[in-house]
PDB file of N, CA and C in Angstrom:
ATOM      1  N   UNK A   1       0.857  -1.188   0.000  1.00  0.00           N
ATOM      2  CA  UNK A   1       0.000   0.000   0.000  1.00  0.00           C
ATOM      3  C   UNK A   1       0.892   1.237   0.000  1.00  0.00           C
ATOM      4  N   UNK A   2       0.698   2.116  -0.973  1.00  0.00           N
ATOM      5  CA  UNK A   2       1.474   3.338  -1.059  1.00  0.00           C
ATOM      6  C   UNK A   2       1.101   4.267   0.092  1.00  0.00           C
ATOM      7  N   UNK A   3       2.116   4.959   0.635  1.00  0.00           N
ATOM      8  CA  UNK A   3       1.912   5.885   1.749  1.00  0.00           C
ATOM      9  C   UNK A   3       1.257   5.201   2.947  1.00  0.00           C
ATOM     10  N   UNK A   4       1.616   3.942   3.175  1.00  0.00           N
ATOM     11  CA  UNK A   4       1.042   3.221   4.313  1.00  0.00           C
ATOM     12  C   UNK A   4       1.383   3.952   5.609  1.00  0.00           C
ATOM     13  N   UNK A   5       0.399   4.140   6.441  1.00  0.00           N
ATOM     14  CA  UNK A   5       0.597   4.815   7.720  1.00  0.00           C
ATOM     15  C   UNK A   5       0.963   3.768   8.763  1.00  0.00           C
ATOM     16  N   UNK A   6       2.044   3.996   9.479  1.00  0.00           N
ATOM     17  CA  UNK A   6       2.484   3.044  10.487  1.00  0.00           C
ATOM     18  C   UNK A   6       2.666   3.755  11.822  1.00  0.00           C
ATOM     19  N   UNK A   7       2.291   3.049  12.874  1.00  0.00           N
ATOM     20  CA  UNK A   7       2.492   3.528  14.229  1.00  0.00           C
ATOM     21  C   UNK A   7       3.332   2.490  14.960  1.00  0.00           C
ATOM     22  N   UNK A   8       4.251   2.971  15.780  1.00  0.00           N
ATOM     23  CA  UNK A   8       5.125   2.088  16.544  1.00  0.00           C
ATOM     24  C   UNK A   8       4.985   2.408  18.030  1.00  0.00           C
ATOM     25  N   UNK A   9       5.262   1.429  18.899  1.00  0.00           N
ATOM     26  CA  UNK A   9       5.208   1.700  20.339  1.00  0.00           C
ATOM     27  C   UNK A   9       6.041   2.937  20.677  1.00  0.00           C
ATOM     28  N   UNK A  10       5.445   3.801  21.477  1.00  0.00           N
ATOM     29  CA  UNK A  10       6.103   5.049  21.867  1.00  0.00           C
ATOM     30  C   UNK A  10       5.749   6.232  20.999  1.00  0.00           C
ATOM     31  N   UNK A  11       5.202   5.994  19.792  1.00  0.00           N
ATOM     32  CA  UNK A  11       4.749   7.109  18.956  1.00  0.00           C
ATOM     33  C   UNK A  11       3.617   7.834  19.654  1.00  0.00           C
ATOM     34  N   UNK A  12       3.467   9.102  19.332  1.00  0.00           N
ATOM     35  CA  UNK A  12       2.341   9.884  19.834  1.00  0.00           C
ATOM     36  C   UNK A  12       1.410  10.182  18.671  1.00  0.00           C
ATOM     37  N   UNK A  13       0.115  10.137  18.955  1.00  0.00           N
ATOM     38  CA  UNK A  13      -0.901  10.381  17.935  1.00  0.00           C
ATOM     39  C   UNK A  13      -1.928  11.370  18.469  1.00  0.00           C
ATOM     40  N   UNK A  14      -2.495  12.151  17.555  1.00  0.00           N
ATOM     41  CA  UNK A  14      -3.556  13.099  17.893  1.00  0.00           C
ATOM     42  C   UNK A  14      -4.867  12.593  17.320  1.00  0.00           C
ATOM     43  N   UNK A  15      -5.908  12.569  18.149  1.00  0.00           N
ATOM     44  CA  UNK A  15      -7.256  12.253  17.693  1.00  0.00           C
ATOM     45  C   UNK A  15      -7.794  13.482  16.969  1.00  0.00           C
ATOM     46  N   UNK A  16      -8.632  13.265  15.976  1.00  0.00           N
ATOM     47  CA  UNK A  16      -9.117  14.377  15.162  1.00  0.00           C
ATOM     48  C   UNK A  16      -9.840  15.447  15.970  1.00  0.00           C
ATOM     49  N   UNK A  17     -10.431  15.099  17.107  1.00  0.00           N
ATOM     50  CA  UNK A  17     -11.166  16.101  17.886  1.00  0.00           C
ATOM     51  C   UNK A  17     -10.235  17.153  18.489  1.00  0.00           C
ATOM     52  N   UNK A  18      -8.937  16.866  18.512  1.00  0.00           N
ATOM     53  CA  UNK A  18      -7.979  17.864  18.997  1.00  0.00           C
ATOM     54  C   UNK A  18      -8.032  19.124  18.135  1.00  0.00           C
ATOM     55  N   UNK A  19      -8.304  18.965  16.835  1.00  0.00           N
ATOM     56  CA  UNK A  19      -8.334  20.130  15.951  1.00  0.00           C
ATOM     57  C   UNK A  19      -9.525  21.045  16.262  1.00  0.00           C
ATOM     58  N   UNK A  20     -10.485  20.547  17.035  1.00  0.00           N
ATOM     59  CA  UNK A  20     -11.650  21.365  17.391  1.00  0.00           C
ATOM     60  C   UNK A  20     -11.400  22.218  18.635  1.00  0.00           C
ATOM     61  N   UNK A  21     -10.284  21.972  19.345  1.00  0.00           N
ATOM     62  CA  UNK A  21      -9.977  22.756  20.538  1.00  0.00           C
ATOM     63  C   UNK A  21      -9.527  24.161  20.152  1.00  0.00           C
ATOM     64  N   UNK A  22      -9.885  25.129  20.968  1.00  0.00           N
ATOM     65  CA  UNK A  22      -9.414  26.491  20.748  1.00  0.00           C
ATOM     66  C   UNK A  22      -7.960  26.586  21.219  1.00  0.00           C
ATOM     67  N   UNK A  23      -7.233  27.608  20.790  1.00  0.00           N
ATOM     68  CA  UNK A  23      -5.861  27.785  21.284  1.00  0.00           C
ATOM     69  C   UNK A  23      -5.802  27.870  22.814  1.00  0.00           C
ATOM     70  N   UNK A  24      -6.791  28.503  23.435  1.00  0.00           N
ATOM     71  CA  UNK A  24      -6.823  28.599  24.902  1.00  0.00           C
ATOM     72  C   UNK A  24      -6.987  27.220  25.529  1.00  0.00           C
ATOM     73  N   UNK A  25      -7.830  26.382  24.932  1.00  0.00           N
ATOM     74  CA  UNK A  25      -8.015  25.025  25.456  1.00  0.00           C
ATOM     75  C   UNK A  25      -6.733  24.211  25.311  1.00  0.00           C
ATOM     76  N   UNK A  26      -6.024  24.401  24.214  1.00  0.00           N
ATOM     77  CA  UNK A  26      -4.760  23.678  24.006  1.00  0.00           C
ATOM     78  C   UNK A  26      -3.707  24.113  25.009  1.00  0.00           C
ATOM     79  N   UNK A  27      -3.769  25.380  25.429  1.00  0.00           N
ATOM     80  CA  UNK A  27      -2.822  25.878  26.425  1.00  0.00           C
ATOM     81  C   UNK A  27      -3.160  25.341  27.808  1.00  0.00           C
ATOM     82  N   UNK A  28      -4.450  25.336  28.149  1.00  0.00           N
ATOM     83  CA  UNK A  28      -4.854  24.876  29.480  1.00  0.00           C
ATOM     84  C   UNK A  28      -4.837  23.350  29.600  1.00  0.00           C
ATOM     85  N   UNK A  29      -5.038  22.647  28.519  1.00  0.00           N
ATOM     86  CA  UNK A  29      -5.021  21.171  28.485  1.00  0.00           C
ATOM     87  C   UNK A  29      -4.101  20.738  27.334  1.00  0.00           C
ATOM     88  N   UNK A  30      -2.776  20.915  27.477  1.00  0.00           N
ATOM     89  CA  UNK A  30      -1.870  20.699  26.340  1.00  0.00           C
ATOM     90  C   UNK A  30      -1.850  19.274  25.788  1.00  0.00           C
ATOM     91  N   UNK A  31      -2.256  18.298  26.568  1.00  0.00           N
ATOM     92  CA  UNK A  31      -2.230  16.909  26.092  1.00  0.00           C
ATOM     93  C   UNK A  31      -3.606  16.352  25.716  1.00  0.00           C
ATOM     94  N   UNK A  32      -4.635  17.197  25.745  1.00  0.00           N
ATOM     95  CA  UNK A  32      -5.975  16.719  25.437  1.00  0.00           C
ATOM     96  C   UNK A  32      -6.031  16.138  24.032  1.00  0.00           C
ATOM     97  N   UNK A  33      -6.587  14.936  23.933  1.00  0.00           N
ATOM     98  CA  UNK A  33      -6.734  14.194  22.681  1.00  0.00           C
ATOM     99  C   UNK A  33      -5.391  13.766  22.082  1.00  0.00           C
ATOM    100  N   UNK A  34      -4.352  13.657  22.945  1.00  0.00           N
ATOM    101  CA  UNK A  34      -3.065  13.110  22.506  1.00  0.00           C
ATOM    102  C   UNK A  34      -2.878  11.753  23.170  1.00  0.00           C
ATOM    103  N   UNK A  35      -2.273  10.817  22.433  1.00  0.00           N
ATOM    104  CA  UNK A  35      -2.160   9.436  22.897  1.00  0.00           C
ATOM    105  C   UNK A  35      -0.786   8.863  22.591  1.00  0.00           C
ATOM    106  N   UNK A  36      -0.330   7.969  23.464  1.00  0.00           N
ATOM    107  CA  UNK A  36       0.892   7.220  23.232  1.00  0.00           C
ATOM    108  C   UNK A  36       0.513   5.829  22.731  1.00  0.00           C
ATOM    109  N   UNK A  37       1.134   5.412  21.659  1.00  0.00           N
ATOM    110  CA  UNK A  37       0.865   4.093  21.100  1.00  0.00           C
ATOM    111  C   UNK A  37       1.599   3.039  21.933  1.00  0.00           C
ATOM    112  N   UNK A  38       0.864   2.006  22.348  1.00  0.00           N
ATOM    113  CA  UNK A  38       1.452   0.874  23.060  1.00  0.00           C
ATOM    114  C   UNK A  38       1.810  -0.209  22.047  1.00  0.00           C
ATOM    115  N   UNK A  39       0.913  -0.484  21.126  1.00  0.00           N
ATOM    116  CA  UNK A  39       1.176  -1.462  20.082  1.00  0.00           C
ATOM    117  C   UNK A  39      -0.108  -2.067  19.563  1.00  0.00           C
ATOM    118  N   UNK A  40       0.052  -3.024  18.666  1.00  0.00           N
ATOM    119  CA  UNK A  40      -1.087  -3.725  18.078  1.00  0.00           C
ATOM    120  C   UNK A  40      -1.193  -5.088  18.742  1.00  0.00           C
ATOM    121  N   UNK A  41      -2.402  -5.432  19.156  1.00  0.00           N
ATOM    122  CA  UNK A  41      -2.675  -6.728  19.777  1.00  0.00           C
ATOM    123  C   UNK A  41      -3.606  -7.521  18.876  1.00  0.00           C
ATOM    124  N   UNK A  42      -3.632  -8.823  19.105  1.00  0.00           N
ATOM    125  CA  UNK A  42      -4.528  -9.704  18.364  1.00  0.00           C
ATOM    126  C   UNK A  42      -5.561 -10.263  19.331  1.00  0.00           C
ATOM    127  N   UNK A  43      -6.835 -10.079  19.020  1.00  0.00           N
ATOM    128  CA  UNK A  43      -7.915 -10.614  19.844  1.00  0.00           C
ATOM    129  C   UNK A  43      -7.793 -12.135  19.847  1.00  0.00           C
ATOM    130  N   UNK A  44      -7.781 -12.732  21.021  1.00  0.00           N
ATOM    131  CA  UNK A  44      -7.526 -14.169  21.129  1.00  0.00           C
ATOM    132  C   UNK A  44      -8.648 -15.040  20.576  1.00  0.00           C
ATOM    133  N   UNK A  45      -9.854 -14.537  20.534  1.00  0.00           N
ATOM    134  CA  UNK A  45     -10.985 -15.332  20.047  1.00  0.00           C
ATOM    135  C   UNK A  45     -11.244 -15.152  18.557  1.00  0.00           C
ATOM    136  N   UNK A  46     -11.120 -13.900  18.079  1.00  0.00           N
ATOM    137  CA  UNK A  46     -11.504 -13.606  16.701  1.00  0.00           C
ATOM    138  C   UNK A  46     -10.324 -13.406  15.761  1.00  0.00           C
ATOM    139  N   UNK A  47      -9.155 -13.131  16.323  1.00  0.00           N
ATOM    140  CA  UNK A  47      -7.990 -12.828  15.494  1.00  0.00           C
ATOM    141  C   UNK A  47      -7.956 -11.398  15.004  1.00  0.00           C
ATOM    142  N   UNK A  48      -8.971 -10.600  15.382  1.00  0.00           N
ATOM    143  CA  UNK A  48      -9.006  -9.197  14.971  1.00  0.00           C
ATOM    144  C   UNK A  48      -7.825  -8.449  15.557  1.00  0.00           C
ATOM    145  N   UNK A  49      -7.311  -7.478  14.805  1.00  0.00           N
ATOM    146  CA  UNK A  49      -6.215  -6.628  15.260  1.00  0.00           C
ATOM    147  C   UNK A  49      -6.798  -5.441  16.014  1.00  0.00           C
ATOM    148  N   UNK A  50      -6.180  -5.112  17.144  1.00  0.00           N
ATOM    149  CA  UNK A  50      -6.602  -3.995  17.991  1.00  0.00           C
ATOM    150  C   UNK A  50      -5.418  -3.072  18.238  1.00  0.00           C
ATOM    151  N   UNK A  51      -5.632  -1.762  18.132  1.00  0.00           N
ATOM    152  CA  UNK A  51      -4.602  -0.799  18.505  1.00  0.00           C
ATOM    153  C   UNK A  51      -4.751  -0.535  19.999  1.00  0.00           C
ATOM    154  N   UNK A  52      -3.655  -0.666  20.713  1.00  0.00           N
ATOM    155  CA  UNK A  52      -3.636  -0.397  22.154  1.00  0.00           C
ATOM    156  C   UNK A  52      -2.924   0.933  22.342  1.00  0.00           C
ATOM    157  N   UNK A  53      -3.555   1.837  23.083  1.00  0.00           N
ATOM    158  CA  UNK A  53      -2.978   3.163  23.277  1.00  0.00           C
ATOM    159  C   UNK A  53      -3.370   3.713  24.642  1.00  0.00           C
ATOM    160  N   UNK A  54      -2.622   4.742  25.068  1.00  0.00           N
ATOM    161  CA  UNK A  54      -2.818   5.335  26.395  1.00  0.00           C
ATOM    162  C   UNK A  54      -2.939   6.845  26.230  1.00  0.00           C
ATOM    163  N   UNK A  55      -3.975   7.444  26.826  1.00  0.00           N
ATOM    164  CA  UNK A  55      -4.088   8.905  26.755  1.00  0.00           C
ATOM    165  C   UNK A  55      -2.933   9.561  27.524  1.00  0.00           C
ATOM    166  N   UNK A  56      -2.470  10.686  27.022  1.00  0.00           N
ATOM    167  CA  UNK A  56      -1.437  11.468  27.699  1.00  0.00           C
ATOM    168  C   UNK A  56      -2.062  12.478  28.659  1.00  0.00           C
ATOM    169  N   UNK A  57      -3.353  12.343  28.906  1.00  0.00           N
ATOM    170  CA  UNK A  57      -4.076  13.205  29.844  1.00  0.00           C
ATOM    171  C   UNK A  57      -4.895  12.303  30.758  1.00  0.00           C
ATOM    172  N   UNK A  58      -5.371  12.847  31.858  1.00  0.00           N
ATOM    173  CA  UNK A  58      -6.194  12.072  32.789  1.00  0.00           C
ATOM    174  C   UNK A  58      -5.395  10.952  33.435  1.00  0.00           C
ATOM    175  N   UNK A  59      -6.084   9.894  33.879  1.00  0.00           N
ATOM    176  CA  UNK A  59      -5.397   8.819  34.600  1.00  0.00           C
ATOM    177  C   UNK A  59      -4.554   7.909  33.710  1.00  0.00           C
ATOM    178  N   UNK A  60      -4.632   8.045  32.400  1.00  0.00           N
ATOM    179  CA  UNK A  60      -3.776   7.277  31.498  1.00  0.00           C
ATOM    180  C   UNK A  60      -4.110   5.807  31.377  1.00  0.00           C
ATOM    181  N   UNK A  61      -5.387   5.453  31.504  1.00  0.00           N
ATOM    182  CA  UNK A  61      -5.798   4.054  31.382  1.00  0.00           C
ATOM    183  C   UNK A  61      -5.631   3.577  29.939  1.00  0.00           C
ATOM    184  N   UNK A  62      -5.204   2.342  29.779  1.00  0.00           N
ATOM    185  CA  UNK A  62      -5.062   1.777  28.440  1.00  0.00           C
ATOM    186  C   UNK A  62      -6.407   1.692  27.738  1.00  0.00           C
ATOM    187  N   UNK A  63      -6.382   1.920  26.435  1.00  0.00           N
ATOM    188  CA  UNK A  63      -7.580   1.810  25.604  1.00  0.00           C
ATOM    189  C   UNK A  63      -7.265   0.904  24.430  1.00  0.00           C
ATOM    190  N   UNK A  64      -8.305   0.283  23.877  1.00  0.00           N
ATOM    191  CA  UNK A  64      -8.160  -0.561  22.691  1.00  0.00           C
ATOM    192  C   UNK A  64      -9.258  -0.194  21.712  1.00  0.00           C
ATOM    193  N   UNK A  65      -8.898  -0.205  20.446  1.00  0.00           N
ATOM    194  CA  UNK A  65      -9.850   0.119  19.387  1.00  0.00           C
ATOM    195  C   UNK A  65      -9.508  -0.786  18.202  1.00  0.00           C
ATOM    196  N   UNK A  66     -10.512  -1.270  17.472  1.00  0.00           N
ATOM    197  CA  UNK A  66     -10.190  -2.058  16.287  1.00  0.00           C
ATOM    198  C   UNK A  66      -9.212  -1.280  15.397  1.00  0.00           C
ATOM    199  N   UNK A  67      -8.175  -1.962  14.923  1.00  0.00           N
ATOM    200  CA  UNK A  67      -7.143  -1.301  14.125  1.00  0.00           C
ATOM    201  C   UNK A  67      -7.732  -0.602  12.908  1.00  0.00           C
ATOM    202  N   UNK A  68      -8.672  -1.240  12.260  1.00  0.00           N
ATOM    203  CA  UNK A  68      -9.299  -0.636  11.079  1.00  0.00           C
ATOM    204  C   UNK A  68      -9.960   0.691  11.430  1.00  0.00           C
ATOM    205  N   UNK A  69     -10.641   0.764  12.567  1.00  0.00           N
ATOM    206  CA  UNK A  69     -11.284   2.007  13.002  1.00  0.00           C
ATOM    207  C   UNK A  69     -10.226   3.043  13.367  1.00  0.00           C
ATOM    208  N   UNK A  70      -9.183   2.613  14.088  1.00  0.00           N
ATOM    209  CA  UNK A  70      -8.113   3.526  14.494  1.00  0.00           C
ATOM    210  C   UNK A  70      -7.484   4.200  13.274  1.00  0.00           C
ATOM    211  N   UNK A  71      -7.305   3.442  12.207  1.00  0.00           N
ATOM    212  CA  UNK A  71      -6.628   3.939  11.008  1.00  0.00           C
ATOM    213  C   UNK A  71      -7.568   4.630  10.017  1.00  0.00           C
ATOM    214  N   UNK A  72      -8.871   4.639  10.295  1.00  0.00           N
ATOM    215  CA  UNK A  72      -9.845   5.147   9.329  1.00  0.00           C
ATOM    216  C   UNK A  72      -9.813   6.665   9.177  1.00  0.00           C
ATOM    217  N   UNK A  73     -10.404   7.120   8.076  1.00  0.00           N
ATOM    218  CA  UNK A  73     -10.534   8.551   7.822  1.00  0.00           C
ATOM    219  C   UNK A  73     -11.682   9.119   8.659  1.00  0.00           C
ATOM    220  N   UNK A  74     -11.583  10.403   8.942  1.00  0.00           N
ATOM    221  CA  UNK A  74     -12.647  11.121   9.647  1.00  0.00           C
ATOM    222  C   UNK A  74     -13.864  11.199   8.731  1.00  0.00           C
ATOM    223  N   UNK A  75     -15.048  11.049   9.297  1.00  0.00           N
ATOM    224  CA  UNK A  75     -16.292  11.244   8.550  1.00  0.00           C
ATOM    225  C   UNK A  75     -16.506  12.757   8.430  1.00  0.00           C
ATOM    226  N   UNK A  76     -16.093  13.319   7.294  1.00  0.00           N
ATOM    227  CA  UNK A  76     -16.173  14.773   7.133  1.00  0.00           C
ATOM    228  C   UNK A  76     -17.587  15.276   6.873  1.00  0.00           C
ATOM    229  N   UNK A  77     -18.521  14.382   6.624  1.00  0.00           N
ATOM    230  CA  UNK A  77     -19.923  14.810   6.545  1.00  0.00           C
ATOM    231  C   UNK A  77     -20.451  15.053   7.956  1.00  0.00           C
ATOM    232  N   UNK A  78     -20.061  14.195   8.889  1.00  0.00           N
ATOM    233  CA  UNK A  78     -20.487  14.332  10.279  1.00  0.00           C
ATOM    234  C   UNK A  78     -19.695  15.433  10.986  1.00  0.00           C
ATOM    235  N   UNK A  79     -18.419  15.585  10.630  1.00  0.00           N
ATOM    236  CA  UNK A  79     -17.532  16.571  11.250  1.00  0.00           C
ATOM    237  C   UNK A  79     -16.930  17.455  10.157  1.00  0.00           C
ATOM    238  N   UNK A  80     -17.717  18.346   9.562  1.00  0.00           N
ATOM    239  CA  UNK A  80     -17.236  19.140   8.426  1.00  0.00           C
ATOM    240  C   UNK A  80     -16.125  20.139   8.765  1.00  0.00           C
ATOM    241  N   UNK A  81     -15.974  20.507  10.017  1.00  0.00           N
ATOM    242  CA  UNK A  81     -14.976  21.511  10.392  1.00  0.00           C
ATOM    243  C   UNK A  81     -13.631  20.917  10.802  1.00  0.00           C
ATOM    244  N   UNK A  82     -13.504  19.613  10.736  1.00  0.00           N
ATOM    245  CA  UNK A  82     -12.259  18.965  11.133  1.00  0.00           C
ATOM    246  C   UNK A  82     -11.275  19.023   9.971  1.00  0.00           C
ATOM    247  N   UNK A  83     -10.052  19.479  10.267  1.00  0.00           N
ATOM    248  CA  UNK A  83      -9.025  19.602   9.232  1.00  0.00           C
ATOM    249  C   UNK A  83      -8.231  18.315   9.050  1.00  0.00           C
ATOM    250  N   UNK A  84      -8.200  17.482  10.076  1.00  0.00           N
ATOM    251  CA  UNK A  84      -7.405  16.259  10.042  1.00  0.00           C
ATOM    252  C   UNK A  84      -8.053  15.242   9.097  1.00  0.00           C
ATOM    253  N   UNK A  85      -7.256  14.535   8.305  1.00  0.00           N
ATOM    254  CA  UNK A  85      -7.794  13.570   7.351  1.00  0.00           C
ATOM    255  C   UNK A  85      -8.188  12.265   8.040  1.00  0.00           C
ATOM    256  N   UNK A  86      -7.335  11.788   8.962  1.00  0.00           N
ATOM    257  CA  UNK A  86      -7.559  10.503   9.607  1.00  0.00           C
ATOM    258  C   UNK A  86      -7.994  10.677  11.056  1.00  0.00           C
ATOM    259  N   UNK A  87      -8.687   9.682  11.564  1.00  0.00           N
ATOM    260  CA  UNK A  87      -9.168   9.682  12.956  1.00  0.00           C
ATOM    261  C   UNK A  87      -7.998   9.928  13.927  1.00  0.00           C
ATOM    262  N   UNK A  88      -6.887   9.216  13.708  1.00  0.00           N
ATOM    263  CA  UNK A  88      -5.663   9.405  14.495  1.00  0.00           C
ATOM    264  C   UNK A  88      -4.521   9.669  13.525  1.00  0.00           C
ATOM    265  N   UNK A  89      -3.703  10.667  13.832  1.00  0.00           N
ATOM    266  CA  UNK A  89      -2.527  10.957  13.016  1.00  0.00           C
ATOM    267  C   UNK A  89      -1.312  11.063  13.905  1.00  0.00           C
ATOM    268  N   UNK A  90      -0.207  10.521  13.401  1.00  0.00           N
ATOM    269  CA  UNK A  90       1.047  10.556  14.148  1.00  0.00           C
ATOM    270  C   UNK A  90       1.523  11.995  14.293  1.00  0.00           C
ATOM    271  N   UNK A  91       2.047  12.295  15.477  1.00  0.00           N
ATOM    272  CA  UNK A  91       2.618  13.610  15.746  1.00  0.00           C
ATOM    273  C   UNK A  91       4.127  13.508  15.566  1.00  0.00           C
ATOM    274  N   UNK A  92       4.661  14.323  14.699  1.00  0.00           N
ATOM    275  CA  UNK A  92       6.097  14.315  14.441  1.00  0.00           C
ATOM    276  C   UNK A  92       6.792  15.279  15.406  1.00  0.00           C
ATOM    277  N   UNK A  93       6.341  16.523  15.448  1.00  0.00           N
ATOM    278  CA  UNK A  93       6.912  17.537  16.344  1.00  0.00           C
ATOM    279  C   UNK A  93       5.812  18.054  17.242  1.00  0.00           C
ATOM    280  N   UNK A  94       5.988  17.866  18.555  1.00  0.00           N
ATOM    281  CA  UNK A  94       4.965  18.340  19.488  1.00  0.00           C
ATOM    282  C   UNK A  94       5.274  19.751  19.931  1.00  0.00           C
TER     283      UNK A  94
END
């Protein structure tokens, strides 16, 4: 797949809702909607791939989401004001 998007343990990713925060909100909650990638797991019963990640805000509890959903594009009909193309995008420079 050309331009395949890859995430590795320790990478940081931004959820698309971060782009909806105002500059003041980003200053007061600098890590809101930012996540650290733990890795990809395989569901033991179904074999489905799951992205495991941890929020960089709040108590930092681990979360899991189907890999296909994690890598999907934002529904721009539902969220027309979102500038981000994908639901989660890797952060290069924070």
